[in-house]
Every structure is written in C-alpha cells, then in structure tokens.
Amino acid sequence: MTAKNYSILCITVAAVTAAIIIFVPGLAESIEQSLLQFLAANARA
C-alpha cells in the first residue's frame, strides 16, 4: 500500500467515524464507552 493510499484510507476512516459520532447517537455512545474503557485500561499500565 502506497503512502498516498494509506493517507486516503486514514482520512476516510476518520471522517466516517466523526460522522457516525455526530449523527448516530446510539452508536456514538458505544464508541465513547469503548474508547473510555481502552483509555482506562492503558492508564493503569
């Protein structure tokens, strides 16, 4: 995978994730909960 394709992929994933968080409340809460669990687990280490 070239750097250009990888950059496009990362930007697309970030944009889709942001759109989901803004427009889909139920899924946004699920993403937020998973992110908080991940951060809490890594903060202890």
Protein backbone atom coordinates (compact mmCIF):
# COMPACT_ATOMS: atom_id res chain seq x y z
CA MET A 1 0.00 0.00 0.00
CA THR A 2 1.46 3.31 -1.00
CA ALA A 3 1.66 6.29 1.33
CA LYS A 4 -0.95 8.13 -0.74
CA ASN A 5 -3.46 5.27 -0.50
CA TYR A 6 -2.77 4.86 3.22
CA SER A 7 -3.36 8.57 3.80
CA ILE A 8 -6.64 8.45 1.89
CA LEU A 9 -7.73 5.40 3.90
CA CYS A 10 -6.92 7.08 7.23
CA ILE A 11 -8.74 10.28 6.30
CA THR A 12 -11.78 8.31 5.13
CA VAL A 13 -11.95 6.23 8.31
CA ALA A 14 -11.59 9.36 10.45
CA ALA A 15 -14.33 11.18 8.52
CA VAL A 16 -16.73 8.23 8.70
CA THR A 17 -16.09 7.81 12.43
CA ALA A 18 -16.70 11.52 13.04
CA ALA A 19 -19.93 11.42 11.01
CA ILE A 20 -21.15 8.39 12.98
CA ILE A 21 -20.41 10.12 16.28
CA ILE A 22 -22.29 13.24 15.17
CA PHE A 23 -25.33 11.65 13.51
CA VAL A 24 -25.90 8.25 15.21
CA PRO A 25 -26.44 8.74 18.96
CA GLY A 26 -26.64 5.06 19.97
CA LEU A 27 -23.51 4.06 18.13
CA ALA A 28 -21.72 7.19 19.32
CA GLU A 29 -22.31 6.18 22.94
CA SER A 30 -20.99 2.70 22.22
CA ILE A 31 -17.85 4.12 20.61
CA GLU A 32 -17.38 6.53 23.52
CA GLN A 33 -17.74 3.74 26.08
CA SER A 34 -15.23 1.54 24.25
CA LEU A 35 -12.77 4.41 23.97
CA LEU A 36 -13.07 5.22 27.68
CA GLN A 37 -12.51 1.55 28.61
CA PHE A 38 -9.44 1.44 26.38
CA LEU A 39 -8.01 4.61 27.89
CA ALA A 40 -8.72 3.47 31.45
CA ALA A 41 -7.03 0.13 30.83
CA ASN A 42 -3.93 1.79 29.40
CA ALA A 43 -3.77 4.43 32.13
CA ARG A 44 -3.26 1.72 34.75
CA ALA A 45 -0.32 0.18 32.92
